[in-house]
Every structure is written in C-alpha cells, then in structure tokens.
Amino acid sequence: MICADKQRVHEKLLEAGLALFEQKGFNATGLQEIADAAGIVKGSFYNYFASKDAFAVEVIRFYTARHVARWEQALAASAAEPPHRALRSLFLQLARRYAAAQPKKGCLIGNLAAEISEASPECRRAMQGATAQFKAVLARCLAEGQKAGKVRADLPAQRQAELFWDAWQGCLLRMKIENSTKPLKDTLETLFASLLTPAPGRIAPQ
C-alpha cells in the first residue's frame, strides 16, 4: 500500500509528465523539468520510477485511463441517442475541443508512437494496450449500431473500429501540420456519412 503522501507525489509526477510530453514530446523533456513541475528534487524521481521509459509507460496508462473514462462519460451523457449516434456526438465534441486549443497538440498516443515506438519496446507495448482500449469502445458502439441497422454489417465492428482509429489518428496528424481542425471535420463527415453507413448491395458476412 502506497502512503497518501507518496501517492500524491506519484500522481503529481504523472500529471507533470503528461503535460510536458504533450507540449514538448518525450525526448525534449528532461527529468529535471518533470521533477521541477512536480515540486520534488530530481533525485527523488527514482523513488517512484525505475527509468524515464518506465515513467513514460505509466504516463501512457494514466492518459489512457483518463481519456477512456471521458469517452465513457460522454457516451453515457448521450444515452438517449443510439450508440452510433452518441459516438458521432463524442467525436464532434472532441473536434470542437481541438478547435479551441492552441497549440493543437493532437493525441499523446499518436505523438509518442511517432517518436519512441521503435526505441522503447516497453512504451510500444503500453501504446498497443492503450489503442486496444480505445478501439474496444469504438467497436462496442459500432456493434450496437449494426444491431440497429444503422452501421454497415458487411465488415465486423472490430475492423471498422480499427479503420476509425487509423483515420482519426491520421487526421490529427494533418490537423497539426495544417494548424486547422478542418481535417477532423472532413474525416468525421466521411466516416459517418459514407464509410460506416449501410449501402444497397452490401451483404452482411455469414
């Protein structure tokens, strides 16, 4: 059992690391900066984490738990809508948040994947686990949409969730390059108006 004071410092370190990794990336963020932001001396960092990579793994898990919870809360708040419509509402809400943000940081998982996935196997495994959690939420909502006849049934919900995730990550990258959320809006429109919807002639898999 971690004592209350140590738990608070542990959470402050994760909060500091998350903010710095989102702002500067992994490689440009030093342990001194993290310690300073958390209000501890640098040497104390190793009382909580064995290495910077181990710290990044915990930051990834911290970020994922927080954002999956936010997704679930937003979906629950739209419970009066069919699940696939609630999913659309969630992502339009995310697009609005990105529109209001400066700078446009994108998704931590996507950012770190480009930066450190080859250099850190343990971080890569953590990111694999993170994406699996996000895609599980997507697949659940899309499967419910299939049951209601509002989402195409010729592709399994999991395959569509993977397509959705890949498209979302790609348009977040374009958002940063173009400093515009138009790629988000265009991609969501294409997904929900065309790619995910049933169409005449599509046959559900046996």
Protein backbone atom coordinates (compact mmCIF):
# COMPACT_ATOMS: atom_id res chain seq x y z
CA MET A 1 0.00 0.00 0.00
CA ILE A 2 1.42 3.38 -1.05
CA CYS A 3 1.14 6.02 1.67
CA ALA A 4 -1.08 9.02 0.91
CA ASP A 5 1.80 11.50 0.58
CA LYS A 6 3.73 9.25 -1.76
CA GLN A 7 0.60 8.62 -3.82
CA ARG A 8 0.04 12.37 -4.20
CA VAL A 9 3.61 12.88 -5.40
CA HIS A 10 3.25 9.92 -7.76
CA GLU A 11 0.14 11.50 -9.30
CA LYS A 12 1.80 14.93 -9.49
CA LEU A 13 4.68 13.38 -11.42
CA LEU A 14 2.27 11.73 -13.85
CA GLU A 15 0.35 14.99 -14.32
CA ALA A 16 3.60 16.87 -14.90
CA GLY A 17 4.90 14.26 -17.31
CA LEU A 18 1.67 14.19 -19.26
CA ALA A 19 1.62 17.97 -19.66
CA LEU A 20 5.28 18.11 -20.68
CA PHE A 21 5.10 15.16 -23.08
CA GLU A 22 2.06 16.73 -24.75
CA GLN A 23 3.81 20.08 -25.01
CA LYS A 24 7.38 19.07 -25.87
CA GLY A 25 7.45 15.35 -26.58
CA PHE A 26 9.37 12.59 -24.82
CA ASN A 27 12.92 13.25 -25.97
CA ALA A 28 12.83 17.01 -25.39
CA THR A 29 11.52 16.63 -21.84
CA GLY A 30 14.17 16.22 -19.16
CA LEU A 31 13.83 14.58 -15.76
CA GLN A 32 14.76 17.89 -14.13
CA GLU A 33 11.78 19.57 -15.79
CA ILE A 34 9.47 16.80 -14.64
CA ALA A 35 10.79 16.97 -11.09
CA ASP A 36 10.53 20.76 -11.01
CA ALA A 37 6.96 20.68 -12.29
CA ALA A 38 6.02 18.12 -9.64
CA GLY A 39 7.81 20.06 -6.88
CA ILE A 40 10.39 17.43 -5.97
CA VAL A 41 14.17 17.18 -6.21
CA LYS A 42 15.40 15.31 -9.27
CA GLY A 43 17.00 12.52 -7.25
CA SER A 44 13.63 11.64 -5.74
CA PHE A 45 12.26 10.72 -9.17
CA TYR A 46 13.82 7.27 -8.87
CA ASN A 47 11.90 6.61 -5.68
CA TYR A 48 8.84 6.39 -7.90
CA PHE A 49 10.02 5.16 -11.30
CA ALA A 50 12.93 2.96 -12.32
CA SER A 51 13.67 4.89 -15.52
CA LYS A 52 12.31 7.52 -17.88
CA ASP A 53 10.92 4.76 -20.11
CA ALA A 54 9.14 3.17 -17.14
CA PHE A 55 7.76 6.61 -16.31
CA ALA A 56 6.51 7.05 -19.89
CA VAL A 57 4.71 3.70 -19.65
CA GLU A 58 2.86 4.94 -16.57
CA VAL A 59 2.06 8.27 -18.25
CA ILE A 60 0.59 6.40 -21.22
CA ARG A 61 -1.58 4.31 -18.91
CA PHE A 62 -2.58 7.40 -16.91
CA TYR A 63 -3.55 9.27 -20.09
CA THR A 64 -5.47 6.28 -21.43
CA ALA A 65 -7.46 5.68 -18.25
CA ARG A 66 -8.39 9.37 -18.08
CA HIS A 67 -9.48 9.65 -21.69
CA VAL A 68 -11.31 6.33 -21.88
CA ALA A 69 -13.25 7.45 -18.79
CA ARG A 70 -14.07 10.74 -20.53
CA TRP A 71 -15.25 8.88 -23.60
CA GLU A 72 -17.48 6.67 -21.47
CA GLN A 73 -18.89 9.67 -19.59
CA ALA A 74 -19.68 11.48 -22.82
CA LEU A 75 -21.34 8.39 -24.27
CA ALA A 76 -23.36 7.91 -21.09
CA ALA A 77 -24.47 11.55 -21.24
CA SER A 78 -25.79 10.84 -24.76
CA ALA A 79 -27.54 7.64 -23.69
CA ALA A 80 -30.82 8.87 -25.17
CA GLU A 81 -29.21 8.60 -28.61
CA PRO A 82 -28.46 5.28 -30.35
CA PRO A 83 -24.83 4.26 -29.57
CA HIS A 84 -23.50 5.03 -33.07
CA ARG A 85 -25.07 8.50 -32.90
CA ALA A 86 -23.63 9.03 -29.44
CA LEU A 87 -20.24 8.09 -30.89
CA ARG A 88 -20.63 10.75 -33.57
CA SER A 89 -21.57 13.31 -30.92
CA LEU A 90 -18.49 12.37 -28.89
CA PHE A 91 -16.11 12.91 -31.79
CA LEU A 92 -17.72 16.16 -32.85
CA GLN A 93 -17.21 17.30 -29.26
CA LEU A 94 -13.54 16.25 -29.43
CA ALA A 95 -13.16 18.18 -32.69
CA ARG A 96 -14.58 21.30 -31.03
CA ARG A 97 -12.11 20.96 -28.16
CA TYR A 98 -9.22 20.72 -30.60
CA ALA A 99 -10.56 23.77 -32.45
CA ALA A 100 -10.41 25.78 -29.22
CA ALA A 101 -6.91 24.57 -28.25
CA GLN A 102 -3.66 26.35 -29.03
CA PRO A 103 -1.30 24.82 -29.84
CA LYS A 104 -3.06 21.85 -31.41
CA LYS A 105 -1.26 19.01 -29.65
CA GLY A 106 -3.08 16.01 -31.07
CA CYS A 107 -3.23 12.66 -29.32
CA LEU A 108 -0.44 11.70 -26.91
CA ILE A 109 -0.52 8.08 -28.11
CA GLY A 110 -0.08 9.09 -31.74
CA ASN A 111 2.63 11.61 -30.88
CA LEU A 112 4.65 9.14 -28.82
CA ALA A 113 4.15 6.38 -31.39
CA ALA A 114 5.95 8.51 -33.98
CA GLU A 115 8.68 9.48 -31.55
CA ILE A 116 9.65 6.47 -29.44
CA SER A 117 7.84 3.28 -30.52
CA GLU A 118 10.97 1.89 -32.21
CA ALA A 119 13.35 2.94 -29.43
CA SER A 120 11.34 1.69 -26.45
CA PRO A 121 9.69 -1.76 -26.63
CA GLU A 122 8.05 -1.27 -23.22
CA CYS A 123 6.46 2.00 -24.35
CA ARG A 124 5.37 0.38 -27.59
CA ARG A 125 3.62 -2.39 -25.64
CA ALA A 126 1.93 0.22 -23.45
CA MET A 127 0.71 2.06 -26.54
CA GLN A 128 -0.60 -1.19 -28.01
CA GLY A 129 -2.61 -1.72 -24.84
CA ALA A 130 -3.84 1.88 -24.94
CA THR A 131 -5.06 1.69 -28.53
CA ALA A 132 -6.80 -1.61 -27.78
CA GLN A 133 -8.82 0.10 -25.03
CA PHE A 134 -9.88 2.98 -27.26
CA LYS A 135 -10.78 0.65 -30.12
CA ALA A 136 -12.83 -1.53 -27.77
CA VAL A 137 -15.08 1.45 -27.03
CA LEU A 138 -15.40 2.19 -30.75
CA ALA A 139 -16.17 -1.44 -31.59
CA ARG A 140 -18.86 -1.66 -28.91
CA CYS A 141 -20.70 1.40 -30.22
CA LEU A 142 -20.39 0.30 -33.83
CA ALA A 143 -21.64 -3.21 -32.98
CA GLU A 144 -24.72 -1.67 -31.36
CA GLY A 145 -25.21 0.40 -34.48
CA GLN A 146 -25.05 -2.75 -36.59
CA LYS A 147 -27.75 -4.37 -34.46
CA ALA A 148 -29.95 -1.34 -35.09
CA GLY A 149 -29.27 -1.49 -38.83
CA LYS A 150 -27.61 1.94 -38.84
CA VAL A 151 -23.98 0.83 -39.33
CA ARG A 152 -22.78 -1.30 -42.24
CA ALA A 153 -22.81 -5.01 -41.44
CA ASP A 154 -20.54 -6.31 -44.20
CA LEU A 155 -17.46 -5.56 -42.08
CA PRO A 156 -17.06 -6.71 -38.46
CA ALA A 157 -17.36 -3.94 -35.89
CA GLN A 158 -13.76 -4.52 -34.78
CA ARG A 159 -12.48 -3.98 -38.33
CA GLN A 160 -14.50 -0.79 -38.58
CA ALA A 161 -13.17 0.36 -35.19
CA GLU A 162 -9.61 -0.12 -36.45
CA LEU A 163 -10.41 1.87 -39.61
CA PHE A 164 -11.99 4.60 -37.48
CA TRP A 165 -8.98 4.78 -35.14
CA ASP A 166 -6.50 4.88 -38.03
CA ALA A 167 -8.50 7.61 -39.81
CA TRP A 168 -8.75 9.65 -36.60
CA GLN A 169 -5.02 9.43 -35.92
CA GLY A 170 -4.26 10.41 -39.50
CA CYS A 171 -6.49 13.47 -39.41
CA LEU A 172 -4.98 14.52 -36.07
CA LEU A 173 -1.59 14.50 -37.77
CA ARG A 174 -2.95 16.62 -40.61
CA MET A 175 -4.50 18.96 -38.05
CA LYS A 176 -1.06 19.66 -36.58
CA ILE A 177 0.56 20.08 -40.00
CA GLU A 178 -2.14 22.45 -41.27
CA ASN A 179 -2.94 24.05 -37.88
CA SER A 180 -6.60 23.54 -38.71
CA THR A 181 -9.38 21.26 -37.50
CA LYS A 182 -10.89 21.04 -40.98
CA PRO A 183 -9.29 17.58 -41.49
CA LEU A 184 -11.11 16.38 -38.36
CA LYS A 185 -14.49 17.64 -39.57
CA ASP A 186 -13.96 16.29 -43.08
CA THR A 187 -12.88 12.86 -41.83
CA LEU A 188 -15.79 12.56 -39.40
CA GLU A 189 -18.22 13.55 -42.15
CA THR A 190 -16.78 10.89 -44.48
CA LEU A 191 -16.82 8.20 -41.79
CA PHE A 192 -20.35 8.78 -40.55
CA ALA A 193 -21.99 9.79 -43.82
CA SER A 194 -20.34 7.24 -46.10
CA LEU A 195 -17.86 4.65 -44.87
CA LEU A 196 -19.72 3.37 -41.81
CA THR A 197 -23.26 3.54 -43.11
CA PRO A 198 -25.17 0.71 -44.77
CA ALA A 199 -25.50 0.89 -48.53
CA PRO A 200 -27.60 -1.02 -51.07
CA GLY A 201 -25.92 -4.22 -52.17
CA ARG A 202 -23.76 -4.68 -49.10
CA ILE A 203 -24.22 -8.15 -47.68
CA ALA A 204 -23.54 -8.99 -44.05
CA PRO A 205 -20.88 -11.70 -43.51
CA GLN A 206 -22.25 -15.18 -42.83
